[in-house]
Amino acid sequence: MGRLFATLAVALPLGLGAGAGWAADAAELARGKELFTKIQPACAVCHTLQAAGAEGQVGPVLDELKPDAPRVLRALKAGIGVMPSYAERMSEKDMKAVASFVAHATGAAK
């Protein structure tokens, strides 16, 4: 039992228990929100996400879909449906920031 607590004491602060698979700090979430609304084409043009003040009419309503960060990251990297890939437009770090922001904003990040 002592080993379990020792393992959790190390793993949880490192973000290993996070639903997103990585820890997101306030600066990363703010960067993700900024990119969501300003990258071209902006995510906010197509997607509805209340936390970003976005009321898109084309893509899924993210507040209802509640995608976790890995799902958002996969969509950003590869594109999905009519959504383009952002792999050539954003760094991995920036894509993770957007993914973390969306997951936290929708409540998908535990």
C-alpha atoms as a PDB file:
ATOM      1  CA  MET A   1       0.000   0.000   0.000  1.00  0.00           C
ATOM      2  CA  GLY A   2       2.882   2.352   0.766  1.00  0.00           C
ATOM      3  CA  ARG A   3       4.284   1.740  -2.721  1.00  0.00           C
ATOM      4  CA  LEU A   4       0.990   2.758  -4.315  1.00  0.00           C
ATOM      5  CA  PHE A   5       0.954   6.079  -2.480  1.00  0.00           C
ATOM      6  CA  ALA A   6       4.593   6.715  -3.348  1.00  0.00           C
ATOM      7  CA  THR A   7       3.887   6.017  -7.024  1.00  0.00           C
ATOM      8  CA  LEU A   8       0.842   8.297  -7.046  1.00  0.00           C
ATOM      9  CA  ALA A   9       2.754  11.031  -5.241  1.00  0.00           C
ATOM     10  CA  VAL A  10       5.225  11.092  -8.138  1.00  0.00           C
ATOM     11  CA  ALA A  11       2.871  10.392 -11.062  1.00  0.00           C
ATOM     12  CA  LEU A  12       0.046  12.829 -10.363  1.00  0.00           C
ATOM     13  CA  PRO A  13       2.104  16.038 -10.187  1.00  0.00           C
ATOM     14  CA  LEU A  14       3.769  15.061 -13.464  1.00  0.00           C
ATOM     15  CA  GLY A  15       0.398  14.958 -15.156  1.00  0.00           C
ATOM     16  CA  LEU A  16       0.422  11.212 -15.683  1.00  0.00           C
ATOM     17  CA  GLY A  17      -3.037  11.000 -14.184  1.00  0.00           C
ATOM     18  CA  ALA A  18      -4.450  13.703 -16.465  1.00  0.00           C
ATOM     19  CA  GLY A  19      -7.094  12.760 -18.990  1.00  0.00           C
ATOM     20  CA  ALA A  20      -5.239  14.760 -21.617  1.00  0.00           C
ATOM     21  CA  GLY A  21      -2.065  12.694 -21.213  1.00  0.00           C
ATOM     22  CA  TRP A  22      -0.071  15.803 -20.353  1.00  0.00           C
ATOM     23  CA  ALA A  23      -0.389  18.568 -17.814  1.00  0.00           C
ATOM     24  CA  ALA A  24      -1.542  21.994 -18.985  1.00  0.00           C
ATOM     25  CA  ASP A  25      -0.675  25.162 -17.113  1.00  0.00           C
ATOM     26  CA  ALA A  26      -2.514  28.479 -17.312  1.00  0.00           C
ATOM     27  CA  ALA A  27      -0.097  29.898 -19.905  1.00  0.00           C
ATOM     28  CA  GLU A  28      -0.570  26.891 -22.200  1.00  0.00           C
ATOM     29  CA  LEU A  29      -4.359  27.128 -21.904  1.00  0.00           C
ATOM     30  CA  ALA A  30      -4.272  30.871 -22.676  1.00  0.00           C
ATOM     31  CA  ARG A  31      -2.051  30.197 -25.710  1.00  0.00           C
ATOM     32  CA  GLY A  32      -4.441  27.477 -26.858  1.00  0.00           C
ATOM     33  CA  LYS A  33      -7.408  29.833 -26.597  1.00  0.00           C
ATOM     34  CA  GLU A  34      -5.565  32.522 -28.559  1.00  0.00           C
ATOM     35  CA  LEU A  35      -4.621  30.062 -31.315  1.00  0.00           C
ATOM     36  CA  PHE A  36      -8.173  28.669 -31.448  1.00  0.00           C
ATOM     37  CA  THR A  37      -9.447  32.105 -32.428  1.00  0.00           C
ATOM     38  CA  LYS A  38      -6.509  33.471 -34.449  1.00  0.00           C
ATOM     39  CA  ILE A  39      -4.794  30.674 -36.413  1.00  0.00           C
ATOM     40  CA  GLN A  40      -5.722  30.751 -40.104  1.00  0.00           C
ATOM     41  CA  PRO A  41      -8.191  29.343 -40.782  1.00  0.00           C
ATOM     42  CA  ALA A  42      -9.396  29.902 -37.228  1.00  0.00           C
ATOM     43  CA  CYS A  43     -10.979  26.959 -35.423  1.00  0.00           C
ATOM     44  CA  ALA A  44     -13.648  29.428 -34.288  1.00  0.00           C
ATOM     45  CA  VAL A  45     -14.818  29.949 -37.875  1.00  0.00           C
ATOM     46  CA  CYS A  46     -16.238  26.409 -37.989  1.00  0.00           C
ATOM     47  CA  HIS A  47     -16.562  25.231 -34.383  1.00  0.00           C
ATOM     48  CA  THR A  48     -18.784  26.399 -31.547  1.00  0.00           C
ATOM     49  CA  LEU A  49     -16.942  26.596 -28.231  1.00  0.00           C
ATOM     50  CA  GLN A  50     -18.436  28.798 -25.530  1.00  0.00           C
ATOM     51  CA  ALA A  51     -15.136  29.349 -23.677  1.00  0.00           C
ATOM     52  CA  ALA A  52     -13.643  30.885 -26.831  1.00  0.00           C
ATOM     53  CA  GLY A  53     -16.735  32.919 -27.697  1.00  0.00           C
ATOM     54  CA  ALA A  54     -16.937  30.902 -30.912  1.00  0.00           C
ATOM     55  CA  GLU A  55     -20.197  30.234 -32.716  1.00  0.00           C
ATOM     56  CA  GLY A  56     -19.123  28.377 -35.845  1.00  0.00           C
ATOM     57  CA  GLN A  57     -21.725  26.844 -38.109  1.00  0.00           C
ATOM     58  CA  VAL A  58     -19.806  24.143 -39.998  1.00  0.00           C
ATOM     59  CA  GLY A  59     -17.921  21.835 -37.652  1.00  0.00           C
ATOM     60  CA  PRO A  60     -19.119  19.930 -34.605  1.00  0.00           C
ATOM     61  CA  VAL A  61     -20.195  21.867 -31.513  1.00  0.00           C
ATOM     62  CA  LEU A  62     -17.215  21.142 -29.296  1.00  0.00           C
ATOM     63  CA  ASP A  63     -19.166  21.930 -26.113  1.00  0.00           C
ATOM     64  CA  GLU A  64     -21.401  18.952 -26.951  1.00  0.00           C
ATOM     65  CA  LEU A  65     -18.753  16.655 -28.455  1.00  0.00           C
ATOM     66  CA  LYS A  66     -16.389  17.115 -25.479  1.00  0.00           C
ATOM     67  CA  PRO A  67     -13.285  15.719 -27.203  1.00  0.00           C
ATOM     68  CA  ASP A  68     -10.296  14.861 -25.048  1.00  0.00           C
ATOM     69  CA  ALA A  69      -6.896  16.382 -25.837  1.00  0.00           C
ATOM     70  CA  PRO A  70      -5.479  13.367 -27.735  1.00  0.00           C
ATOM     71  CA  ARG A  71      -8.537  13.357 -30.020  1.00  0.00           C
ATOM     72  CA  VAL A  72      -8.177  17.083 -30.749  1.00  0.00           C
ATOM     73  CA  LEU A  73      -4.442  16.666 -31.352  1.00  0.00           C
ATOM     74  CA  ARG A  74      -5.062  13.857 -33.872  1.00  0.00           C
ATOM     75  CA  ALA A  75      -7.589  16.037 -35.723  1.00  0.00           C
ATOM     76  CA  LEU A  76      -5.177  18.972 -35.776  1.00  0.00           C
ATOM     77  CA  LYS A  77      -2.330  16.827 -37.096  1.00  0.00           C
ATOM     78  CA  ALA A  78      -4.189  14.868 -39.767  1.00  0.00           C
ATOM     79  CA  GLY A  79      -7.352  16.847 -40.421  1.00  0.00           C
ATOM     80  CA  ILE A  80     -10.720  15.118 -40.432  1.00  0.00           C
ATOM     81  CA  GLY A  81     -13.623  15.435 -42.859  1.00  0.00           C
ATOM     82  CA  VAL A  82     -13.484  18.968 -44.275  1.00  0.00           C
ATOM     83  CA  MET A  83     -11.212  20.144 -41.445  1.00  0.00           C
ATOM     84  CA  PRO A  84      -7.688  20.770 -42.758  1.00  0.00           C
ATOM     85  CA  SER A  85      -4.503  19.539 -41.132  1.00  0.00           C
ATOM     86  CA  TYR A  86      -2.664  22.157 -39.106  1.00  0.00           C
ATOM     87  CA  ALA A  87       0.617  20.212 -39.036  1.00  0.00           C
ATOM     88  CA  GLU A  88       2.227  22.671 -41.468  1.00  0.00           C
ATOM     89  CA  ARG A  89       0.731  25.741 -39.763  1.00  0.00           C
ATOM     90  CA  MET A  90       1.463  25.086 -36.082  1.00  0.00           C
ATOM     91  CA  SER A  91       4.227  23.562 -34.018  1.00  0.00           C
ATOM     92  CA  GLU A  92       3.596  20.422 -31.965  1.00  0.00           C
ATOM     93  CA  LYS A  93       3.691  22.604 -28.845  1.00  0.00           C
ATOM     94  CA  ASP A  94       1.014  24.944 -30.232  1.00  0.00           C
ATOM     95  CA  MET A  95      -1.189  22.049 -31.359  1.00  0.00           C
ATOM     96  CA  LYS A  96      -0.945  20.585 -27.839  1.00  0.00           C
ATOM     97  CA  ALA A  97      -1.907  23.982 -26.401  1.00  0.00           C
ATOM     98  CA  VAL A  98      -5.056  24.092 -28.556  1.00  0.00           C
ATOM     99  CA  ALA A  99      -5.863  20.472 -27.692  1.00  0.00           C
ATOM    100  CA  SER A 100      -5.442  21.144 -23.967  1.00  0.00           C
ATOM    101  CA  PHE A 101      -7.562  24.291 -24.153  1.00  0.00           C
ATOM    102  CA  VAL A 102     -10.415  22.516 -25.947  1.00  0.00           C
ATOM    103  CA  ALA A 103     -10.321  19.546 -23.555  1.00  0.00           C
ATOM    104  CA  HIS A 104     -10.324  21.808 -20.496  1.00  0.00           C
ATOM    105  CA  ALA A 105     -12.964  24.160 -21.903  1.00  0.00           C
ATOM    106  CA  THR A 106     -15.373  21.302 -22.611  1.00  0.00           C
ATOM    107  CA  GLY A 107     -14.731  19.436 -19.377  1.00  0.00           C
ATOM    108  CA  ALA A 108     -13.105  16.475 -21.131  1.00  0.00           C
ATOM    109  CA  ALA A 109      -9.813  16.911 -19.251  1.00  0.00           C
ATOM    110  CA  LYS A 110     -10.072  15.148 -15.926  1.00  0.00           C
END
